Amino acid sequence: MDKEKRLELGLLKIGELAERSGVPISTLKYYTDLGLLRVQEYMAGGFRLYNEKESMLRLKRIRELSDQGYSIKEIKENIEKIMVLKILVIDDEIEVHDFVKDVFEGFDNTEVKSVHDGFSAGMTVAEYLPDLIILDLLLPGVDGFKVCASIKNNSKLKDIKILAITGYDSPENRQKILSAGADDYLAKPLELREFREKVRKLLNLY
């Protein structure tokens, strides 16, 4: 298999995975030996190939659990239970929560959690550590702009993807929320195809 075909299939050598993840090769070898990372295939000569999407998610989960004080043994015991993509909806409209849950029924290995105000959002984000947040700009309590900025200014949360949504679409609101760190933006009412495409892009589901 040539390199172009291999990369097209999302298969990385250990050095490529180290470069993309920022994790040293020695650590990746250690995680592999422990079973925390899985080898997808072997090349001629015995070179290991890793599935990029799965490996990046596993490394993210290992980092999250380590930050919470879990030992390597505890991480190994629990990692398979949490190999799902976690989506958090922060919006006070029940229709939005129902829409998002319906959309993600079409995706494998995902779960959706919801909160309805800005005050609850901060604690939930820190505890749940979602991979993607669907964030309304106008919330009871703390507004979405402040919630977004707070997440992106936190070193442990800043890599969480944020898709901002609003029923009050304007160039000013769009610029303000992107400046606060949102990764993308959609106006309400949400359109199914556009929403799914943005989610796929943000979560690297292609």
C-alpha atoms as a PDB file:
ATOM      1  CA  MET A   1       0.000   0.000   0.000  1.00  0.00           C
ATOM      2  CA  ASP A   2       1.467   3.336  -1.023  1.00  0.00           C
ATOM      3  CA  LYS A   3       1.478   6.359   1.284  1.00  0.00           C
ATOM      4  CA  GLU A   4      -1.231   8.259  -0.600  1.00  0.00           C
ATOM      5  CA  LYS A   5      -3.638   5.330  -0.424  1.00  0.00           C
ATOM      6  CA  ARG A   6      -2.775   4.693   3.228  1.00  0.00           C
ATOM      7  CA  LEU A   7      -3.462   8.290   4.251  1.00  0.00           C
ATOM      8  CA  GLU A   8      -6.673   8.289   2.234  1.00  0.00           C
ATOM      9  CA  LEU A   9      -7.801   5.349   4.366  1.00  0.00           C
ATOM     10  CA  GLY A  10      -6.872   7.251   7.538  1.00  0.00           C
ATOM     11  CA  LEU A  11      -4.039   4.902   8.482  1.00  0.00           C
ATOM     12  CA  LEU A  12      -1.007   6.448  10.157  1.00  0.00           C
ATOM     13  CA  LYS A  13       2.432   5.162  11.053  1.00  0.00           C
ATOM     14  CA  ILE A  14       3.378   5.741  14.665  1.00  0.00           C
ATOM     15  CA  GLY A  15       5.605   8.704  13.776  1.00  0.00           C
ATOM     16  CA  GLU A  16       2.752  10.342  11.844  1.00  0.00           C
ATOM     17  CA  LEU A  17       0.380   9.781  14.758  1.00  0.00           C
ATOM     18  CA  ALA A  18       2.937  11.319  17.127  1.00  0.00           C
ATOM     19  CA  GLU A  19       3.230  14.371  14.883  1.00  0.00           C
ATOM     20  CA  ARG A  20      -0.530  14.881  14.573  1.00  0.00           C
ATOM     21  CA  SER A  21      -1.316  14.237  18.225  1.00  0.00           C
ATOM     22  CA  GLY A  22       1.692  15.901  19.855  1.00  0.00           C
ATOM     23  CA  VAL A  23       2.256  12.728  21.908  1.00  0.00           C
ATOM     24  CA  PRO A  24       5.822  11.296  21.914  1.00  0.00           C
ATOM     25  CA  ILE A  25       6.443   8.039  20.041  1.00  0.00           C
ATOM     26  CA  SER A  26       7.668   6.407  23.258  1.00  0.00           C
ATOM     27  CA  THR A  27       4.337   7.198  24.945  1.00  0.00           C
ATOM     28  CA  LEU A  28       2.359   5.885  21.966  1.00  0.00           C
ATOM     29  CA  LYS A  29       4.342   2.619  22.109  1.00  0.00           C
ATOM     30  CA  TYR A  30       3.640   2.377  25.848  1.00  0.00           C
ATOM     31  CA  TYR A  31      -0.103   2.962  25.318  1.00  0.00           C
ATOM     32  CA  THR A  32      -0.104   0.353  22.530  1.00  0.00           C
ATOM     33  CA  ASP A  33       1.631  -2.235  24.686  1.00  0.00           C
ATOM     34  CA  LEU A  34      -0.960  -1.615  27.415  1.00  0.00           C
ATOM     35  CA  GLY A  35      -3.853  -1.957  24.963  1.00  0.00           C
ATOM     36  CA  LEU A  36      -4.951   1.683  25.327  1.00  0.00           C
ATOM     37  CA  LEU A  37      -4.226   2.201  21.627  1.00  0.00           C
ATOM     38  CA  ARG A  38      -5.144  -0.362  18.992  1.00  0.00           C
ATOM     39  CA  VAL A  39      -3.104  -1.298  15.927  1.00  0.00           C
ATOM     40  CA  GLN A  40      -5.367  -1.355  12.875  1.00  0.00           C
ATOM     41  CA  GLU A  41      -3.024  -3.124  10.466  1.00  0.00           C
ATOM     42  CA  TYR A  42       0.610  -4.096   9.969  1.00  0.00           C
ATOM     43  CA  MET A  43       2.711  -3.103   6.979  1.00  0.00           C
ATOM     44  CA  ALA A  44       5.423  -5.216   5.429  1.00  0.00           C
ATOM     45  CA  GLY A  45       8.331  -5.243   7.840  1.00  0.00           C
ATOM     46  CA  GLY A  46       6.007  -5.207  10.838  1.00  0.00           C
ATOM     47  CA  PHE A  47       5.327  -1.450  10.914  1.00  0.00           C
ATOM     48  CA  ARG A  48       2.198  -0.639  12.912  1.00  0.00           C
ATOM     49  CA  LEU A  49      -0.643   1.332  11.349  1.00  0.00           C
ATOM     50  CA  TYR A  50      -3.166   3.208  13.487  1.00  0.00           C
ATOM     51  CA  ASN A  51      -6.643   4.403  12.554  1.00  0.00           C
ATOM     52  CA  GLU A  52      -6.333   8.174  12.852  1.00  0.00           C
ATOM     53  CA  LYS A  53      -9.863   8.998  14.046  1.00  0.00           C
ATOM     54  CA  GLU A  54     -10.037   6.230  16.636  1.00  0.00           C
ATOM     55  CA  SER A  55      -6.512   6.859  17.896  1.00  0.00           C
ATOM     56  CA  MET A  56      -7.003  10.606  18.245  1.00  0.00           C
ATOM     57  CA  LEU A  57     -10.210  10.021  20.206  1.00  0.00           C
ATOM     58  CA  ARG A  58      -8.502   7.451  22.436  1.00  0.00           C
ATOM     59  CA  LEU A  59      -5.641   9.864  23.135  1.00  0.00           C
ATOM     60  CA  LYS A  60      -8.149  12.586  23.945  1.00  0.00           C
ATOM     61  CA  ARG A  61      -9.944  10.280  26.414  1.00  0.00           C
ATOM     62  CA  ILE A  62      -6.643   9.213  28.014  1.00  0.00           C
ATOM     63  CA  ARG A  63      -5.707  12.866  28.519  1.00  0.00           C
ATOM     64  CA  GLU A  64      -9.132  13.701  29.970  1.00  0.00           C
ATOM     65  CA  LEU A  65      -9.043  10.826  32.445  1.00  0.00           C
ATOM     66  CA  SER A  66      -5.442  11.602  33.417  1.00  0.00           C
ATOM     67  CA  ASP A  67      -6.448  15.213  34.115  1.00  0.00           C
ATOM     68  CA  GLN A  68      -9.215  13.890  36.387  1.00  0.00           C
ATOM     69  CA  GLY A  69      -6.664  11.939  38.419  1.00  0.00           C
ATOM     70  CA  TYR A  70      -7.257   8.435  37.059  1.00  0.00           C
ATOM     71  CA  SER A  71      -4.300   6.034  37.125  1.00  0.00           C
ATOM     72  CA  ILE A  72      -3.174   4.234  33.963  1.00  0.00           C
ATOM     73  CA  LYS A  73      -4.722   1.028  35.336  1.00  0.00           C
ATOM     74  CA  GLU A  74      -8.068   2.759  35.897  1.00  0.00           C
ATOM     75  CA  ILE A  75      -7.926   4.349  32.435  1.00  0.00           C
ATOM     76  CA  LYS A  76      -7.336   0.943  30.856  1.00  0.00           C
ATOM     77  CA  GLU A  77     -10.339  -0.466  32.727  1.00  0.00           C
ATOM     78  CA  ASN A  78     -12.640   2.383  31.674  1.00  0.00           C
ATOM     79  CA  ILE A  79     -11.578   3.585  28.237  1.00  0.00           C
ATOM     80  CA  GLU A  80     -13.719   1.155  26.235  1.00  0.00           C
ATOM     81  CA  LYS A  81     -16.823   2.365  28.088  1.00  0.00           C
ATOM     82  CA  ILE A  82     -16.322   5.961  26.955  1.00  0.00           C
ATOM     83  CA  MET A  83     -15.262   5.513  23.335  1.00  0.00           C
ATOM     84  CA  VAL A  84     -18.222   7.526  22.118  1.00  0.00           C
ATOM     85  CA  LEU A  85     -18.440  11.062  20.763  1.00  0.00           C
ATOM     86  CA  LYS A  86     -20.146  13.276  23.331  1.00  0.00           C
ATOM     87  CA  ILE A  87     -22.375  16.167  22.260  1.00  0.00           C
ATOM     88  CA  LEU A  88     -23.657  18.792  24.671  1.00  0.00           C
ATOM     89  CA  VAL A  89     -26.586  21.027  23.683  1.00  0.00           C
ATOM     90  CA  ILE A  90     -26.785  24.346  25.549  1.00  0.00           C
ATOM     91  CA  ASP A  91     -30.094  25.936  24.577  1.00  0.00           C
ATOM     92  CA  ASP A  92     -33.317  26.903  26.347  1.00  0.00           C
ATOM     93  CA  GLU A  93     -35.561  25.728  23.476  1.00  0.00           C
ATOM     94  CA  ILE A  94     -36.710  22.120  23.800  1.00  0.00           C
ATOM     95  CA  GLU A  95     -37.229  21.970  20.029  1.00  0.00           C
ATOM     96  CA  VAL A  96     -33.492  22.414  19.486  1.00  0.00           C
ATOM     97  CA  HIS A  97     -32.666  19.564  21.862  1.00  0.00           C
ATOM     98  CA  ASP A  98     -35.141  17.276  20.062  1.00  0.00           C
ATOM     99  CA  PHE A  99     -33.717  18.274  16.669  1.00  0.00           C
ATOM    100  CA  VAL A 100     -30.128  17.523  17.711  1.00  0.00           C
ATOM    101  CA  LYS A 101     -31.044  14.194  19.308  1.00  0.00           C
ATOM    102  CA  ASP A 102     -32.915  13.157  16.150  1.00  0.00           C
ATOM    103  CA  VAL A 103     -29.896  14.088  13.998  1.00  0.00           C
ATOM    104  CA  PHE A 104     -27.436  12.104  16.087  1.00  0.00           C
ATOM    105  CA  GLU A 105     -29.568   8.981  15.991  1.00  0.00           C
ATOM    106  CA  GLY A 106     -28.065   8.630  12.512  1.00  0.00           C
ATOM    107  CA  PHE A 107     -24.483   8.614  13.815  1.00  0.00           C
ATOM    108  CA  ASP A 108     -22.741   5.618  15.377  1.00  0.00           C
ATOM    109  CA  ASN A 109     -21.200   5.783  18.857  1.00  0.00           C
ATOM    110  CA  THR A 110     -22.540   9.172  19.881  1.00  0.00           C
ATOM    111  CA  GLU A 111     -24.500  10.439  22.867  1.00  0.00           C
ATOM    112  CA  VAL A 112     -26.305  13.716  23.442  1.00  0.00           C
ATOM    113  CA  LYS A 113     -26.672  15.575  26.745  1.00  0.00           C
ATOM    114  CA  SER A 114     -28.615  18.811  27.286  1.00  0.00           C
ATOM    115  CA  VAL A 115     -28.624  21.815  29.590  1.00  0.00           C
ATOM    116  CA  HIS A 116     -30.932  24.793  29.354  1.00  0.00           C
ATOM    117  CA  ASP A 117     -29.119  27.786  30.829  1.00  0.00           C
ATOM    118  CA  GLY A 118     -25.726  29.426  31.017  1.00  0.00           C
ATOM    119  CA  PHE A 119     -25.236  28.853  34.747  1.00  0.00           C
ATOM    120  CA  SER A 120     -25.595  25.051  34.407  1.00  0.00           C
ATOM    121  CA  ALA A 121     -23.426  25.008  31.294  1.00  0.00           C
ATOM    122  CA  GLY A 122     -20.078  25.741  32.954  1.00  0.00           C
ATOM    123  CA  MET A 123     -20.276  22.927  35.501  1.00  0.00           C
ATOM    124  CA  THR A 124     -21.660  20.450  32.962  1.00  0.00           C
ATOM    125  CA  VAL A 125     -18.936  21.177  30.398  1.00  0.00           C
ATOM    126  CA  ALA A 126     -16.192  20.610  32.990  1.00  0.00           C
ATOM    127  CA  GLU A 127     -17.709  17.331  34.198  1.00  0.00           C
ATOM    128  CA  TYR A 128     -18.977  15.903  30.903  1.00  0.00           C
ATOM    129  CA  LEU A 129     -16.052  17.034  28.694  1.00  0.00           C
ATOM    130  CA  PRO A 130     -17.988  16.899  25.415  1.00  0.00           C
ATOM    131  CA  ASP A 131     -16.373  16.652  22.004  1.00  0.00           C
ATOM    132  CA  LEU A 132     -18.857  19.122  20.515  1.00  0.00           C
ATOM    133  CA  ILE A 133     -21.054  21.825  22.029  1.00  0.00           C
ATOM    134  CA  ILE A 134     -24.146  23.166  20.263  1.00  0.00           C
ATOM    135  CA  LEU A 135     -24.348  26.611  21.888  1.00  0.00           C
ATOM    136  CA  ASP A 136     -27.193  29.117  21.702  1.00  0.00           C
ATOM    137  CA  LEU A 137     -26.062  32.734  21.916  1.00  0.00           C
ATOM    138  CA  LEU A 138     -28.953  34.015  24.020  1.00  0.00           C
ATOM    139  CA  LEU A 139     -29.337  31.977  27.195  1.00  0.00           C
ATOM    140  CA  PRO A 140     -30.990  32.486  30.578  1.00  0.00           C
ATOM    141  CA  GLY A 141     -28.322  33.380  33.123  1.00  0.00           C
ATOM    142  CA  VAL A 142     -24.963  33.749  31.408  1.00  0.00           C
ATOM    143  CA  ASP A 143     -25.131  34.489  27.675  1.00  0.00           C
ATOM    144  CA  GLY A 144     -23.570  32.219  25.073  1.00  0.00           C
ATOM    145  CA  PHE A 145     -20.776  34.657  24.240  1.00  0.00           C
ATOM    146  CA  LYS A 146     -19.468  34.458  27.814  1.00  0.00           C
ATOM    147  CA  VAL A 147     -19.908  30.681  27.940  1.00  0.00           C
ATOM    148  CA  CYS A 148     -17.903  30.304  24.713  1.00  0.00           C
ATOM    149  CA  ALA A 149     -15.103  32.611  25.842  1.00  0.00           C
ATOM    150  CA  SER A 150     -14.890  30.857  29.216  1.00  0.00           C
ATOM    151  CA  ILE A 151     -14.495  27.446  27.552  1.00  0.00           C
ATOM    152  CA  LYS A 152     -11.928  28.580  25.004  1.00  0.00           C
ATOM    153  CA  ASN A 153      -9.870  30.378  27.679  1.00  0.00           C
ATOM    154  CA  ASN A 154      -9.640  27.208  29.791  1.00  0.00           C
ATOM    155  CA  SER A 155      -6.563  25.135  28.903  1.00  0.00           C
ATOM    156  CA  LYS A 156      -8.361  21.857  29.688  1.00  0.00           C
ATOM    157  CA  LEU A 157     -11.493  22.724  27.669  1.00  0.00           C
ATOM    158  CA  LYS A 158     -10.192  24.819  24.782  1.00  0.00           C
ATOM    159  CA  ASP A 159     -10.050  21.920  22.291  1.00  0.00           C
ATOM    160  CA  ILE A 160     -13.797  21.271  22.565  1.00  0.00           C
ATOM    161  CA  LYS A 161     -15.490  22.170  19.272  1.00  0.00           C
ATOM    162  CA  ILE A 162     -18.256  24.778  19.541  1.00  0.00           C
ATOM    163  CA  LEU A 163     -21.023  25.234  16.977  1.00  0.00           C
ATOM    164  CA  ALA A 164     -22.818  28.474  17.841  1.00  0.00           C
ATOM    165  CA  ILE A 165     -26.484  28.846  16.868  1.00  0.00           C
ATOM    166  CA  THR A 166     -28.884  31.777  17.111  1.00  0.00           C
ATOM    167  CA  GLY A 167     -32.311  32.969  16.067  1.00  0.00           C
ATOM    168  CA  TYR A 168     -30.932  36.528  15.945  1.00  0.00           C
ATOM    169  CA  ASP A 169     -28.586  36.237  12.990  1.00  0.00           C
ATOM    170  CA  SER A 170     -26.559  39.342  12.207  1.00  0.00           C
ATOM    171  CA  PRO A 171     -23.028  40.099  10.996  1.00  0.00           C
ATOM    172  CA  GLU A 172     -22.286  41.557  14.443  1.00  0.00           C
ATOM    173  CA  ASN A 173     -23.376  38.436  16.337  1.00  0.00           C
ATOM    174  CA  ARG A 174     -21.533  36.174  13.895  1.00  0.00           C
ATOM    175  CA  GLN A 175     -18.292  38.127  14.257  1.00  0.00           C
ATOM    176  CA  LYS A 176     -18.637  38.441  18.019  1.00  0.00           C
ATOM    177  CA  ILE A 177     -19.098  34.717  18.659  1.00  0.00           C
ATOM    178  CA  LEU A 178     -16.338  33.684  16.241  1.00  0.00           C
ATOM    179  CA  SER A 179     -14.049  36.170  17.975  1.00  0.00           C
ATOM    180  CA  ALA A 180     -14.979  34.517  21.290  1.00  0.00           C
ATOM    181  CA  GLY A 181     -13.621  31.247  19.902  1.00  0.00           C
ATOM    182  CA  ALA A 182     -16.578  29.434  18.321  1.00  0.00           C
ATOM    183  CA  ASP A 183     -15.487  26.998  15.622  1.00  0.00           C
ATOM    184  CA  ASP A 184     -18.546  27.540  13.413  1.00  0.00           C
ATOM    185  CA  TYR A 185     -21.899  29.282  13.310  1.00  0.00           C
ATOM    186  CA  LEU A 186     -25.466  28.579  12.158  1.00  0.00           C
ATOM    187  CA  ALA A 187     -28.618  30.669  12.111  1.00  0.00           C
ATOM    188  CA  LYS A 188     -31.936  29.260  13.327  1.00  0.00           C
ATOM    189  CA  PRO A 189     -34.144  27.645  12.212  1.00  0.00           C
ATOM    190  CA  LEU A 190     -31.597  24.871  11.781  1.00  0.00           C
ATOM    191  CA  GLU A 191     -31.598  23.169   8.382  1.00  0.00           C
ATOM    192  CA  LEU A 192     -30.917  19.430   8.544  1.00  0.00           C
ATOM    193  CA  ARG A 193     -28.422  19.021   5.701  1.00  0.00           C
ATOM    194  CA  GLU A 194     -26.314  22.061   6.638  1.00  0.00           C
ATOM    195  CA  PHE A 195     -26.312  21.093  10.319  1.00  0.00           C
ATOM    196  CA  ARG A 196     -25.199  17.533   9.564  1.00  0.00           C
ATOM    197  CA  GLU A 197     -22.408  18.753   7.281  1.00  0.00           C
ATOM    198  CA  LYS A 198     -21.056  21.168   9.869  1.00  0.00           C
ATOM    199  CA  VAL A 199     -21.167  18.472  12.556  1.00  0.00           C
ATOM    200  CA  ARG A 200     -19.360  16.016  10.302  1.00  0.00           C
ATOM    201  CA  LYS A 201     -16.652  18.575   9.598  1.00  0.00           C
ATOM    202  CA  LEU A 202     -16.204  19.611  13.238  1.00  0.00           C
ATOM    203  CA  LEU A 203     -16.026  16.021  14.490  1.00  0.00           C
ATOM    204  CA  ASN A 204     -13.958  14.804  11.529  1.00  0.00           C
ATOM    205  CA  LEU A 205     -16.558  12.147  10.663  1.00  0.00           C
ATOM    206  CA  TYR A 206     -15.812  11.945   6.940  1.00  0.00           C
END
